[in-house]
Amino acid sequence: MVDTPAIKLSITGTGCGDPTIPATCVNMATNATAQQNLAAQIAKYQNDLEPLKIYPILSFGVAYELPHPVEDRTLMQKGRFP
């Protein structure tokens, strides 16, 4: 992969400083402060992910072949042992 991971966040709903006082509630989707805070958080996350721009794709495997019983019997009959 050769690209910076992208983050997309949005905020909706109502946020209240004090839920018992309705006047402190704001629409988070249209509130400038909430949107600025969200943009700052996205920028921080994007900066944190910057080192992941390029990473190698590695693969590792191990294989083992079990002896075949018919082949072993044939070799033993011929006097050859595996």
C-alpha atoms as a PDB file:
ATOM      1  CA  MET A   1       0.000   0.000   0.000  1.00  0.00           C
ATOM      2  CA  VAL A   2       1.337   3.406  -0.890  1.00  0.00           C
ATOM      3  CA  ASP A   3      -1.167   5.936   0.346  1.00  0.00           C
ATOM      4  CA  THR A   4      -2.014   7.739   3.539  1.00  0.00           C
ATOM      5  CA  PRO A   5      -5.035   6.281   5.321  1.00  0.00           C
ATOM      6  CA  ALA A   6      -7.965   8.693   5.220  1.00  0.00           C
ATOM      7  CA  ILE A   7     -10.293   9.568   8.049  1.00  0.00           C
ATOM      8  CA  LYS A   8     -13.804  10.846   7.566  1.00  0.00           C
ATOM      9  CA  LEU A   9     -15.867  11.843  10.578  1.00  0.00           C
ATOM     10  CA  SER A  10     -19.059  13.794  10.988  1.00  0.00           C
ATOM     11  CA  ILE A  11     -21.011  14.917  13.990  1.00  0.00           C
ATOM     12  CA  THR A  12     -24.765  15.198  14.316  1.00  0.00           C
ATOM     13  CA  GLY A  13     -27.274  15.511  17.070  1.00  0.00           C
ATOM     14  CA  THR A  14     -27.588  17.863  19.990  1.00  0.00           C
ATOM     15  CA  GLY A  15     -24.913  18.636  22.526  1.00  0.00           C
ATOM     16  CA  CYS A  16     -25.791  20.179  25.868  1.00  0.00           C
ATOM     17  CA  GLY A  17     -23.455  21.808  28.359  1.00  0.00           C
ATOM     18  CA  ASP A  18     -26.010  21.265  31.110  1.00  0.00           C
ATOM     19  CA  PRO A  19     -28.887  18.983  30.081  1.00  0.00           C
ATOM     20  CA  THR A  20     -31.166  20.553  32.679  1.00  0.00           C
ATOM     21  CA  ILE A  21     -30.891  23.954  30.948  1.00  0.00           C
ATOM     22  CA  PRO A  22     -32.241  23.705  27.374  1.00  0.00           C
ATOM     23  CA  ALA A  23     -30.655  27.024  26.375  1.00  0.00           C
ATOM     24  CA  THR A  24     -27.175  25.411  26.561  1.00  0.00           C
ATOM     25  CA  CYS A  25     -28.064  22.781  23.940  1.00  0.00           C
ATOM     26  CA  VAL A  26     -26.769  23.295  20.390  1.00  0.00           C
ATOM     27  CA  ASN A  27     -27.085  21.489  17.079  1.00  0.00           C
ATOM     28  CA  MET A  28     -23.665  19.872  16.673  1.00  0.00           C
ATOM     29  CA  ALA A  29     -23.939  19.700  12.870  1.00  0.00           C
ATOM     30  CA  THR A  30     -24.288  23.483  12.555  1.00  0.00           C
ATOM     31  CA  ASN A  31     -22.348  24.707  15.598  1.00  0.00           C
ATOM     32  CA  ALA A  32     -19.114  26.400  14.447  1.00  0.00           C
ATOM     33  CA  THR A  33     -17.174  25.519  17.609  1.00  0.00           C
ATOM     34  CA  ALA A  34     -18.155  21.864  17.429  1.00  0.00           C
ATOM     35  CA  GLN A  35     -17.177  21.698  13.760  1.00  0.00           C
ATOM     36  CA  GLN A  36     -13.817  23.400  14.445  1.00  0.00           C
ATOM     37  CA  ASN A  37     -13.115  20.943  17.264  1.00  0.00           C
ATOM     38  CA  LEU A  38     -14.023  18.052  14.994  1.00  0.00           C
ATOM     39  CA  ALA A  39     -11.745  19.379  12.210  1.00  0.00           C
ATOM     40  CA  ALA A  40      -8.886  19.702  14.731  1.00  0.00           C
ATOM     41  CA  GLN A  41      -9.434  16.111  15.910  1.00  0.00           C
ATOM     42  CA  ILE A  42      -9.493  14.814  12.323  1.00  0.00           C
ATOM     43  CA  ALA A  43      -6.213  16.659  11.632  1.00  0.00           C
ATOM     44  CA  LYS A  44      -4.662  15.068  14.743  1.00  0.00           C
ATOM     45  CA  TYR A  45      -5.791  11.572  13.722  1.00  0.00           C
ATOM     46  CA  GLN A  46      -4.551  12.157  10.161  1.00  0.00           C
ATOM     47  CA  ASN A  47      -1.166  13.250  11.532  1.00  0.00           C
ATOM     48  CA  ASP A  48      -1.037  10.157  13.775  1.00  0.00           C
ATOM     49  CA  LEU A  49      -1.655   7.931  10.736  1.00  0.00           C
ATOM     50  CA  GLU A  50       0.979   9.616   8.549  1.00  0.00           C
ATOM     51  CA  PRO A  51       3.686   7.025   9.419  1.00  0.00           C
ATOM     52  CA  LEU A  52       1.408   4.324   7.977  1.00  0.00           C
ATOM     53  CA  LYS A  53       1.669   5.836   4.493  1.00  0.00           C
ATOM     54  CA  ILE A  54       3.821   2.982   3.200  1.00  0.00           C
ATOM     55  CA  TYR A  55       4.059  -0.463   4.639  1.00  0.00           C
ATOM     56  CA  PRO A  56       5.335  -3.684   3.114  1.00  0.00           C
ATOM     57  CA  ILE A  57       3.108  -6.660   2.593  1.00  0.00           C
ATOM     58  CA  LEU A  58       4.923  -9.693   3.926  1.00  0.00           C
ATOM     59  CA  SER A  59       4.058 -13.343   3.726  1.00  0.00           C
ATOM     60  CA  PHE A  60       5.609 -16.258   5.549  1.00  0.00           C
ATOM     61  CA  GLY A  61       4.822 -19.936   5.299  1.00  0.00           C
ATOM     62  CA  VAL A  62       6.043 -23.308   6.507  1.00  0.00           C
ATOM     63  CA  ALA A  63       5.344 -26.640   4.811  1.00  0.00           C
ATOM     64  CA  TYR A  64       5.938 -30.199   5.881  1.00  0.00           C
ATOM     65  CA  GLU A  65       5.259 -33.273   3.800  1.00  0.00           C
ATOM     66  CA  LEU A  66       4.211 -36.420   5.613  1.00  0.00           C
ATOM     67  CA  PRO A  67       5.661 -39.659   4.281  1.00  0.00           C
ATOM     68  CA  HIS A  68       3.345 -41.550   1.951  1.00  0.00           C
ATOM     69  CA  PRO A  69       2.631 -45.035   3.411  1.00  0.00           C
ATOM     70  CA  VAL A  70       2.530 -46.836   0.022  1.00  0.00           C
ATOM     71  CA  GLU A  71       5.883 -45.395  -1.085  1.00  0.00           C
ATOM     72  CA  ASP A  72       7.471 -46.328   2.270  1.00  0.00           C
ATOM     73  CA  ARG A  73       6.203 -49.916   1.978  1.00  0.00           C
ATOM     74  CA  THR A  74       7.535 -50.215  -1.588  1.00  0.00           C
ATOM     75  CA  LEU A  75      10.961 -48.941  -0.564  1.00  0.00           C
ATOM     76  CA  MET A  76      11.068 -51.294   2.421  1.00  0.00           C
ATOM     77  CA  GLN A  77      10.200 -54.271   0.191  1.00  0.00           C
ATOM     78  CA  LYS A  78      13.123 -53.351  -2.072  1.00  0.00           C
ATOM     79  CA  GLY A  79      15.437 -53.186   0.923  1.00  0.00           C
ATOM     80  CA  ARG A  80      15.660 -49.379   0.953  1.00  0.00           C
ATOM     81  CA  PHE A  81      14.580 -47.579   4.069  1.00  0.00           C
ATOM     82  CA  PRO A  82      13.376 -44.005   3.958  1.00  0.00           C
END
